[in-house]
């Protein structure tokens, strides 16, 4: 299971860090907003980062790592 302390993304100096907004996160993981926030509250989904007074986002690398963990847990780590 994904723990917020499990994988903290450390951006590579040459790699671009991409921040996803909620709509993009919902599209990537196929969950509604309430489900995402419930999993975050339980520590089972990557935490959001504050971008401004009323703006948050998620690191794309953390969302992709969470999805990879889910695929590995079902025994199908590939996209075959």
N, C-alpha and C. Protein backbone atom coordinates (compact mmCIF):
# COMPACT_ATOMS: atom_id res chain seq x y z
N UNK A 1 0.83 -1.18 0.00
CA UNK A 1 0.00 0.00 0.00
C UNK A 1 0.87 1.24 0.00
N UNK A 2 0.36 2.29 -0.54
CA UNK A 2 1.12 3.52 -0.63
C UNK A 2 1.03 4.26 0.69
N UNK A 3 2.15 4.61 1.21
CA UNK A 3 2.22 5.44 2.40
C UNK A 3 2.84 6.76 1.99
N UNK A 4 2.33 7.85 2.53
CA UNK A 4 2.86 9.16 2.16
C UNK A 4 4.36 9.27 2.45
N UNK A 5 4.85 8.54 3.45
CA UNK A 5 6.27 8.58 3.77
C UNK A 5 7.05 7.58 2.94
N UNK A 6 6.33 6.71 2.21
CA UNK A 6 6.96 5.64 1.43
C UNK A 6 7.80 6.19 0.28
N UNK A 7 7.22 7.07 -0.50
CA UNK A 7 7.94 7.58 -1.65
C UNK A 7 7.75 9.08 -1.75
N UNK A 8 8.78 9.80 -1.42
CA UNK A 8 8.77 11.24 -1.63
C UNK A 8 9.53 11.50 -2.92
N UNK A 9 8.89 12.17 -3.83
CA UNK A 9 9.55 12.42 -5.12
C UNK A 9 10.66 13.43 -4.93
N UNK A 10 11.84 13.06 -5.37
CA UNK A 10 12.98 13.97 -5.37
C UNK A 10 13.31 14.24 -6.83
N UNK A 11 12.94 15.41 -7.31
CA UNK A 11 13.12 15.68 -8.73
C UNK A 11 14.58 15.61 -9.15
N UNK A 12 14.80 14.95 -10.27
CA UNK A 12 16.12 14.91 -10.89
C UNK A 12 16.40 16.31 -11.42
N UNK A 13 17.63 16.73 -11.38
CA UNK A 13 17.96 18.08 -11.81
C UNK A 13 17.60 18.32 -13.27
N UNK A 14 17.68 17.29 -14.11
CA UNK A 14 17.36 17.45 -15.52
C UNK A 14 15.89 17.18 -15.83
N UNK A 15 15.19 16.55 -14.93
CA UNK A 15 13.79 16.19 -15.17
C UNK A 15 12.88 17.35 -14.79
N UNK A 16 11.80 17.49 -15.56
CA UNK A 16 10.81 18.51 -15.24
C UNK A 16 9.84 17.95 -14.22
N UNK A 17 9.50 18.76 -13.25
CA UNK A 17 8.50 18.37 -12.26
C UNK A 17 7.16 18.85 -12.79
N UNK A 18 6.22 17.93 -12.89
CA UNK A 18 4.89 18.28 -13.38
C UNK A 18 3.90 18.19 -12.23
N UNK A 19 3.14 19.24 -12.06
CA UNK A 19 2.12 19.29 -11.02
C UNK A 19 0.76 19.13 -11.69
N UNK A 20 -0.01 18.18 -11.17
CA UNK A 20 -1.34 17.90 -11.71
C UNK A 20 -2.40 18.56 -10.84
N UNK A 21 -3.40 19.09 -11.47
CA UNK A 21 -4.55 19.61 -10.75
C UNK A 21 -5.53 18.46 -10.53
N UNK A 22 -6.52 18.68 -9.69
CA UNK A 22 -7.45 17.63 -9.28
C UNK A 22 -8.12 16.95 -10.47
N UNK A 23 -8.53 17.71 -11.46
CA UNK A 23 -9.21 17.12 -12.62
C UNK A 23 -8.30 16.10 -13.31
N UNK A 24 -7.03 16.43 -13.46
CA UNK A 24 -6.08 15.51 -14.09
C UNK A 24 -5.84 14.27 -13.23
N UNK A 25 -5.78 14.47 -11.92
CA UNK A 25 -5.59 13.33 -11.00
C UNK A 25 -6.79 12.40 -11.10
N UNK A 26 -8.00 12.97 -11.07
CA UNK A 26 -9.22 12.15 -11.20
C UNK A 26 -9.20 11.36 -12.50
N UNK A 27 -8.81 12.00 -13.59
CA UNK A 27 -8.76 11.32 -14.89
C UNK A 27 -7.73 10.19 -14.89
N UNK A 28 -6.59 10.43 -14.26
CA UNK A 28 -5.52 9.41 -14.25
C UNK A 28 -5.90 8.19 -13.43
N UNK A 29 -6.51 8.40 -12.26
CA UNK A 29 -6.77 7.28 -11.35
C UNK A 29 -8.19 6.73 -11.46
N UNK A 30 -9.07 7.45 -12.14
CA UNK A 30 -10.43 6.96 -12.32
C UNK A 30 -11.27 6.98 -11.06
N UNK A 31 -11.00 7.93 -10.19
CA UNK A 31 -11.75 8.05 -8.93
C UNK A 31 -12.38 9.43 -8.84
N UNK A 32 -13.43 9.50 -8.03
CA UNK A 32 -14.06 10.78 -7.78
C UNK A 32 -13.26 11.54 -6.71
N UNK A 33 -13.56 12.82 -6.59
CA UNK A 33 -12.86 13.69 -5.63
C UNK A 33 -12.96 13.15 -4.21
N UNK A 34 -14.15 12.74 -3.80
CA UNK A 34 -14.34 12.26 -2.42
C UNK A 34 -13.47 11.04 -2.13
N UNK A 35 -13.37 10.13 -3.08
CA UNK A 35 -12.54 8.93 -2.89
C UNK A 35 -11.07 9.29 -2.75
N UNK A 36 -10.61 10.23 -3.56
CA UNK A 36 -9.22 10.66 -3.49
C UNK A 36 -8.93 11.26 -2.12
N UNK A 37 -9.78 12.16 -1.66
CA UNK A 37 -9.55 12.81 -0.37
C UNK A 37 -9.69 11.82 0.79
N UNK A 38 -10.59 10.85 0.68
CA UNK A 38 -10.71 9.83 1.73
C UNK A 38 -9.43 8.99 1.83
N UNK A 39 -8.88 8.60 0.70
CA UNK A 39 -7.63 7.83 0.71
C UNK A 39 -6.47 8.68 1.24
N UNK A 40 -6.44 9.96 0.87
CA UNK A 40 -5.40 10.86 1.40
C UNK A 40 -5.48 10.94 2.92
N UNK A 41 -6.69 11.07 3.43
CA UNK A 41 -6.89 11.18 4.88
C UNK A 41 -6.38 9.94 5.60
N UNK A 42 -6.51 8.78 4.96
CA UNK A 42 -6.04 7.52 5.55
C UNK A 42 -4.56 7.27 5.29
N UNK A 43 -3.91 8.16 4.55
CA UNK A 43 -2.49 7.98 4.23
C UNK A 43 -2.24 6.98 3.13
N UNK A 44 -3.26 6.71 2.31
CA UNK A 44 -3.16 5.70 1.26
C UNK A 44 -3.07 6.29 -0.14
N UNK A 45 -2.92 7.59 -0.22
CA UNK A 45 -2.83 8.28 -1.51
C UNK A 45 -1.87 9.45 -1.33
N UNK A 46 -1.12 9.80 -2.37
CA UNK A 46 -0.16 10.91 -2.24
C UNK A 46 -0.83 12.20 -1.77
N UNK A 47 -0.12 12.92 -0.93
CA UNK A 47 -0.62 14.19 -0.42
C UNK A 47 -0.53 15.28 -1.48
N UNK A 48 -1.44 16.20 -1.36
CA UNK A 48 -1.41 17.36 -2.25
C UNK A 48 -0.35 18.35 -1.76
N UNK A 49 0.05 19.22 -2.66
CA UNK A 49 0.96 20.29 -2.28
C UNK A 49 0.25 21.62 -2.51
N UNK A 50 0.48 22.55 -1.62
CA UNK A 50 -0.17 23.85 -1.71
C UNK A 50 0.57 24.71 -2.72
N UNK A 51 -0.16 25.21 -3.70
CA UNK A 51 0.42 26.04 -4.74
C UNK A 51 0.13 27.52 -4.54
N UNK A 52 -0.88 27.80 -3.77
CA UNK A 52 -1.30 29.17 -3.51
C UNK A 52 -2.37 29.17 -2.44
N UNK A 53 -2.93 30.33 -2.14
CA UNK A 53 -3.94 30.41 -1.08
C UNK A 53 -5.14 29.49 -1.29
N UNK A 54 -5.55 29.31 -2.54
CA UNK A 54 -6.71 28.46 -2.83
C UNK A 54 -6.43 27.50 -3.97
N UNK A 55 -5.18 27.04 -4.04
CA UNK A 55 -4.79 26.18 -5.15
C UNK A 55 -3.88 25.07 -4.65
N UNK A 56 -4.22 23.83 -5.03
CA UNK A 56 -3.39 22.68 -4.67
C UNK A 56 -3.12 21.85 -5.92
N UNK A 57 -2.13 20.99 -5.82
CA UNK A 57 -1.81 20.09 -6.91
C UNK A 57 -1.11 18.86 -6.37
N UNK A 58 -0.88 17.90 -7.24
CA UNK A 58 -0.19 16.66 -6.88
C UNK A 58 0.97 16.49 -7.83
N UNK A 59 2.07 15.93 -7.32
CA UNK A 59 3.21 15.65 -8.19
C UNK A 59 2.87 14.46 -9.07
N UNK A 60 3.04 14.63 -10.36
CA UNK A 60 2.73 13.56 -11.31
C UNK A 60 3.53 12.30 -10.98
N UNK A 61 4.78 12.47 -10.58
CA UNK A 61 5.63 11.31 -10.27
C UNK A 61 5.05 10.50 -9.12
N UNK A 62 4.46 11.16 -8.13
CA UNK A 62 3.87 10.44 -6.99
C UNK A 62 2.59 9.72 -7.40
N UNK A 63 1.80 10.33 -8.26
CA UNK A 63 0.57 9.68 -8.74
C UNK A 63 0.93 8.45 -9.58
N UNK A 64 1.94 8.59 -10.44
CA UNK A 64 2.37 7.45 -11.26
C UNK A 64 2.93 6.33 -10.39
N UNK A 65 3.67 6.68 -9.34
CA UNK A 65 4.21 5.67 -8.42
C UNK A 65 3.07 4.96 -7.69
N UNK A 66 2.04 5.69 -7.30
CA UNK A 66 0.88 5.10 -6.62
C UNK A 66 0.18 4.12 -7.56
N UNK A 67 0.00 4.51 -8.82
CA UNK A 67 -0.62 3.62 -9.80
C UNK A 67 0.23 2.38 -10.03
N UNK A 68 1.55 2.55 -10.10
CA UNK A 68 2.45 1.41 -10.29
C UNK A 68 2.35 0.45 -9.11
N UNK A 69 2.25 0.99 -7.89
CA UNK A 69 2.07 0.14 -6.70
C UNK A 69 0.77 -0.66 -6.80
N UNK A 70 -0.28 -0.03 -7.27
CA UNK A 70 -1.58 -0.71 -7.41
C UNK A 70 -1.48 -1.83 -8.45
N UNK A 71 -0.80 -1.57 -9.56
CA UNK A 71 -0.64 -2.60 -10.59
C UNK A 71 0.20 -3.75 -10.08
N UNK A 72 1.26 -3.44 -9.35
CA UNK A 72 2.13 -4.49 -8.80
C UNK A 72 1.39 -5.33 -7.78
N UNK A 73 0.51 -4.71 -7.00
CA UNK A 73 -0.25 -5.42 -5.97
C UNK A 73 -1.21 -6.44 -6.58
N UNK A 74 -1.67 -6.17 -7.77
CA UNK A 74 -2.59 -7.13 -8.41
C UNK A 74 -1.83 -8.18 -9.20
N UNK A 75 -0.51 -8.06 -9.23
CA UNK A 75 0.31 -9.06 -9.90
C UNK A 75 0.54 -8.78 -11.37
N UNK A 76 0.17 -7.61 -11.83
CA UNK A 76 0.36 -7.27 -13.23
C UNK A 76 1.09 -5.96 -13.38
N UNK A 77 2.36 -5.96 -13.11
CA UNK A 77 3.14 -4.74 -13.14
C UNK A 77 3.33 -4.13 -14.52
N UNK A 78 2.96 -4.83 -15.58
CA UNK A 78 3.18 -4.32 -16.92
C UNK A 78 1.91 -3.79 -17.55
N UNK A 79 2.06 -3.27 -18.75
CA UNK A 79 0.91 -2.75 -19.49
C UNK A 79 0.55 -3.66 -20.66
N UNK A 80 0.93 -4.92 -20.59
CA UNK A 80 0.66 -5.88 -21.68
C UNK A 80 -0.80 -6.12 -21.87
